[in-house]
């Protein structure tokens, strides 16, 4: 007997939920490693922004 569309949709939803949980766990682990290394997301972001802004300034 074939699965119904409802069963298929439910399974796809469960797979998507599991995938999202795995991605979230990976992000948490990465953030934990960064914190242990002494880096934060704001430090990384601000460093990139200043480098980009320095190249856009006109030189007189």
N, C-alpha and C. Protein backbone atom coordinates (compact mmCIF):
# COMPACT_ATOMS: atom_id res chain seq x y z
N UNK A 1 0.84 -1.18 0.00
CA UNK A 1 0.00 0.00 0.00
C UNK A 1 0.89 1.25 0.00
N UNK A 2 0.57 2.18 -0.83
CA UNK A 2 1.34 3.42 -0.94
C UNK A 2 0.99 4.38 0.19
N UNK A 3 1.95 5.22 0.50
CA UNK A 3 1.70 6.23 1.53
C UNK A 3 0.76 7.31 0.97
N UNK A 4 -0.01 7.86 1.87
CA UNK A 4 -0.88 8.94 1.45
C UNK A 4 -0.10 10.24 1.36
N UNK A 5 -0.69 11.23 0.72
CA UNK A 5 -0.03 12.53 0.60
C UNK A 5 0.19 13.11 1.99
N UNK A 6 -0.74 12.91 2.89
CA UNK A 6 -0.59 13.42 4.25
C UNK A 6 0.64 12.83 4.91
N UNK A 7 0.85 11.54 4.77
CA UNK A 7 2.02 10.89 5.36
C UNK A 7 3.30 11.43 4.75
N UNK A 8 3.30 11.63 3.44
CA UNK A 8 4.47 12.16 2.76
C UNK A 8 4.77 13.57 3.26
N UNK A 9 3.76 14.42 3.31
CA UNK A 9 3.95 15.80 3.78
C UNK A 9 4.44 15.83 5.22
N UNK A 10 3.89 14.96 6.04
CA UNK A 10 4.30 14.91 7.44
C UNK A 10 5.76 14.50 7.54
N UNK A 11 6.17 13.52 6.76
CA UNK A 11 7.56 13.06 6.78
C UNK A 11 8.50 14.16 6.30
N UNK A 12 8.11 14.87 5.26
CA UNK A 12 8.94 15.96 4.75
C UNK A 12 9.09 17.06 5.80
N UNK A 13 8.01 17.34 6.51
CA UNK A 13 8.05 18.35 7.57
C UNK A 13 8.99 17.91 8.69
N UNK A 14 8.94 16.63 9.05
CA UNK A 14 9.82 16.10 10.09
C UNK A 14 11.28 16.18 9.66
N UNK A 15 11.55 15.87 8.41
CA UNK A 15 12.92 15.92 7.89
C UNK A 15 13.42 17.36 7.91
N UNK A 16 12.59 18.31 7.49
CA UNK A 16 12.98 19.71 7.49
C UNK A 16 13.25 20.19 8.91
N UNK A 17 12.43 19.79 9.86
CA UNK A 17 12.60 20.18 11.25
C UNK A 17 13.91 19.63 11.81
N UNK A 18 14.20 18.38 11.50
CA UNK A 18 15.43 17.76 11.96
C UNK A 18 16.65 18.46 11.36
N UNK A 19 16.57 18.79 10.09
CA UNK A 19 17.66 19.49 9.41
C UNK A 19 17.90 20.86 10.04
N UNK A 20 16.83 21.56 10.34
CA UNK A 20 16.93 22.88 10.96
C UNK A 20 17.56 22.77 12.35
N UNK A 21 17.19 21.75 13.11
CA UNK A 21 17.78 21.54 14.44
C UNK A 21 19.27 21.24 14.34
N UNK A 22 19.67 20.46 13.34
CA UNK A 22 21.08 20.15 13.15
C UNK A 22 21.88 21.41 12.79
N UNK A 23 21.31 22.26 11.93
CA UNK A 23 21.98 23.52 11.57
C UNK A 23 22.14 24.42 12.79
N UNK A 24 21.09 24.48 13.61
CA UNK A 24 21.13 25.30 14.81
C UNK A 24 22.18 24.79 15.78
N UNK A 25 22.27 23.48 15.93
CA UNK A 25 23.28 22.89 16.81
C UNK A 25 24.68 23.19 16.30
N UNK A 26 24.86 23.17 14.98
CA UNK A 26 26.17 23.47 14.40
C UNK A 26 26.54 24.94 14.65
N UNK A 27 25.56 25.84 14.50
CA UNK A 27 25.82 27.26 14.77
C UNK A 27 26.19 27.48 16.24
N UNK A 28 25.49 26.79 17.12
CA UNK A 28 25.80 26.91 18.56
C UNK A 28 27.20 26.41 18.86
N UNK A 29 27.58 25.28 18.26
CA UNK A 29 28.91 24.73 18.50
C UNK A 29 29.98 25.68 17.97
N UNK A 30 29.73 26.28 16.82
CA UNK A 30 30.69 27.22 16.24
C UNK A 30 30.81 28.46 17.13
N UNK A 31 29.70 28.95 17.63
CA UNK A 31 29.72 30.11 18.52
C UNK A 31 30.46 29.79 19.81
N UNK A 32 30.28 28.58 20.29
CA UNK A 32 30.96 28.16 21.51
C UNK A 32 32.47 28.11 21.29
N UNK A 33 32.89 27.62 20.13
CA UNK A 33 34.31 27.56 19.80
C UNK A 33 34.89 28.97 19.67
N UNK A 34 34.15 29.88 19.04
CA UNK A 34 34.61 31.25 18.91
C UNK A 34 34.75 31.91 20.28
N UNK A 35 33.79 31.65 21.14
CA UNK A 35 33.83 32.23 22.48
C UNK A 35 35.05 31.70 23.23
N UNK A 36 35.34 30.42 23.08
CA UNK A 36 36.50 29.82 23.74
C UNK A 36 37.79 30.42 23.18
N UNK A 37 37.79 30.80 21.91
CA UNK A 37 38.98 31.38 21.28
C UNK A 37 39.09 32.88 21.58
N UNK A 38 38.05 33.45 22.16
CA UNK A 38 38.09 34.86 22.52
C UNK A 38 37.57 35.80 21.46
N UNK A 39 36.94 35.28 20.44
CA UNK A 39 36.38 36.11 19.38
C UNK A 39 34.86 36.15 19.52
N UNK A 40 34.29 37.27 19.17
CA UNK A 40 32.85 37.36 19.15
C UNK A 40 32.41 37.77 17.76
N UNK A 41 31.14 37.62 17.46
CA UNK A 41 30.63 37.96 16.14
C UNK A 41 30.76 39.45 15.88
N UNK A 42 30.58 40.28 16.88
CA UNK A 42 30.68 41.73 16.67
C UNK A 42 32.11 42.14 16.34
N UNK A 43 33.11 41.48 16.92
CA UNK A 43 34.50 41.81 16.61
C UNK A 43 34.82 41.46 15.18
N UNK A 44 34.35 40.31 14.71
CA UNK A 44 34.61 39.91 13.34
C UNK A 44 33.91 40.83 12.36
N UNK A 45 32.67 41.15 12.63
CA UNK A 45 31.90 42.02 11.75
C UNK A 45 32.47 43.41 11.68
N UNK A 46 32.90 43.97 12.80
CA UNK A 46 33.43 45.32 12.80
C UNK A 46 34.76 45.39 12.07
N UNK A 47 35.56 44.36 12.14
CA UNK A 47 36.84 44.33 11.43
C UNK A 47 36.64 44.34 9.94
N UNK A 48 35.67 43.61 9.46
CA UNK A 48 35.41 43.58 8.03
C UNK A 48 34.84 44.91 7.55
N UNK A 49 34.00 45.53 8.34
CA UNK A 49 33.37 46.78 7.94
C UNK A 49 34.41 47.89 7.82
N UNK A 50 35.37 47.95 8.73
CA UNK A 50 36.37 49.02 8.69
C UNK A 50 37.30 48.84 7.50
N UNK A 51 37.63 47.60 7.16
CA UNK A 51 38.49 47.37 6.00
C UNK A 51 37.79 47.81 4.72
N UNK A 52 36.51 47.52 4.60
CA UNK A 52 35.77 47.92 3.41
C UNK A 52 35.64 49.42 3.34
N UNK A 53 35.39 50.07 4.45
CA UNK A 53 35.22 51.52 4.47
C UNK A 53 36.53 52.23 4.17
N UNK A 54 37.67 51.69 4.57
CA UNK A 54 38.95 52.32 4.29
C UNK A 54 39.24 52.38 2.80
N UNK A 55 38.83 51.39 2.06
CA UNK A 55 39.12 51.37 0.63
C UNK A 55 38.20 52.30 -0.15
N UNK A 56 37.05 52.66 0.42
CA UNK A 56 36.11 53.52 -0.30
C UNK A 56 36.39 55.01 -0.11
N UNK A 57 37.27 55.39 0.81
CA UNK A 57 37.53 56.79 1.05
C UNK A 57 38.43 57.38 -0.02
N UNK A 58 38.09 58.58 -0.51
CA UNK A 58 38.95 59.21 -1.51
C UNK A 58 40.23 59.72 -0.87
N UNK A 59 41.33 59.64 -1.59
CA UNK A 59 42.62 60.09 -1.10
C UNK A 59 42.88 61.48 -1.69
N UNK A 60 43.15 62.47 -0.82
CA UNK A 60 43.42 63.83 -1.30
C UNK A 60 44.89 64.16 -1.24
